[in-house]
Amino acid sequence: MALKQYDEALAELVKVEVNYAYPEYSSKALLEMGNALIQKGNMEAAQSQFREVVEKYPESEAAKVAKIQIK
């Protein structure tokens, strides 16, 4: 996301979450979606993504990071 192509990044991250049954990757994809949404200024959607990480993958490393982001 260094190139600030957040919409493209979001589209690709959704594919990971939807198409692959690997919790480690899916949880990280959801977390990065939240981060991209923050960069776009959409705090409400970002918070929703972070909550989804925690709900779906509570034991993951991504959930630990997401908990810090939830306000």
Protein backbone atom coordinates (compact mmCIF):
# COMPACT_ATOMS: atom_id res chain seq x y z
CA MET A 1 0.00 0.00 0.00
CA ALA A 2 3.04 2.21 -0.21
CA LEU A 3 1.75 3.54 -3.53
CA LYS A 4 -1.53 4.60 -1.89
CA GLN A 5 -3.61 2.42 -4.19
CA TYR A 6 -6.06 1.62 -1.42
CA ASP A 7 -9.02 0.68 -3.60
CA GLU A 8 -6.93 -1.84 -5.52
CA ALA A 9 -5.47 -3.19 -2.30
CA LEU A 10 -8.92 -3.61 -0.78
CA ALA A 11 -10.13 -5.52 -3.84
CA GLU A 12 -7.19 -7.93 -3.65
CA LEU A 13 -7.49 -8.39 0.11
CA VAL A 14 -11.17 -9.27 -0.22
CA LYS A 15 -10.17 -12.04 -2.61
CA VAL A 16 -7.85 -13.54 0.00
CA GLU A 17 -10.55 -13.49 2.68
CA VAL A 18 -13.23 -14.95 0.40
CA ASN A 19 -11.30 -17.46 -1.71
CA TYR A 20 -8.81 -19.05 0.65
CA ALA A 21 -9.45 -21.19 3.72
CA TYR A 22 -6.26 -20.28 5.55
CA PRO A 23 -7.12 -18.47 8.80
CA GLU A 24 -3.63 -17.01 9.10
CA TYR A 25 -3.90 -15.31 5.72
CA SER A 26 -7.58 -14.42 6.02
CA SER A 27 -7.08 -12.77 9.40
CA LYS A 28 -4.15 -10.74 8.07
CA ALA A 29 -6.14 -9.76 4.99
CA LEU A 30 -9.00 -8.46 7.14
CA LEU A 31 -6.54 -6.55 9.31
CA GLU A 32 -4.90 -4.96 6.28
CA MET A 33 -8.33 -4.08 4.90
CA GLY A 34 -8.95 -2.16 8.11
CA ASN A 35 -5.62 -0.38 7.75
CA ALA A 36 -6.38 0.55 4.13
CA LEU A 37 -9.78 1.89 5.17
CA ILE A 38 -8.11 4.09 7.79
CA GLN A 39 -5.82 5.48 5.09
CA LYS A 40 -8.90 6.25 2.98
CA GLY A 41 -10.44 8.08 5.94
CA ASN A 42 -13.24 5.58 6.48
CA MET A 43 -12.87 5.01 10.21
CA GLU A 44 -16.29 3.40 10.69
CA ALA A 45 -15.63 0.70 8.08
CA ALA A 46 -12.11 0.19 9.44
CA GLN A 47 -13.47 -0.41 12.93
CA SER A 48 -15.92 -2.92 11.49
CA GLN A 49 -13.04 -4.79 9.82
CA PHE A 50 -11.04 -4.87 13.03
CA ARG A 51 -14.04 -6.22 14.95
CA GLU A 52 -14.50 -8.89 12.28
CA VAL A 53 -10.89 -10.02 12.70
CA VAL A 54 -11.41 -10.40 16.44
CA GLU A 55 -14.74 -12.21 16.03
CA LYS A 56 -13.66 -14.62 13.28
CA TYR A 57 -10.07 -15.25 14.35
CA PRO A 58 -9.86 -14.47 18.09
CA GLU A 59 -6.65 -16.43 18.68
CA SER A 60 -4.73 -14.99 15.73
CA GLU A 61 -1.86 -12.53 15.84
CA ALA A 62 -3.97 -10.26 13.61
CA ALA A 63 -6.71 -10.23 16.27
CA LYS A 64 -4.20 -9.04 18.87
CA VAL A 65 -3.30 -6.11 16.62
CA ALA A 66 -6.95 -5.46 15.71
CA LYS A 67 -7.91 -5.21 19.40
CA ILE A 68 -5.46 -2.35 19.75
CA GLN A 69 -7.05 -0.57 16.78
CA ILE A 70 -10.63 -0.88 18.06
CA LYS A 71 -11.76 2.31 19.73
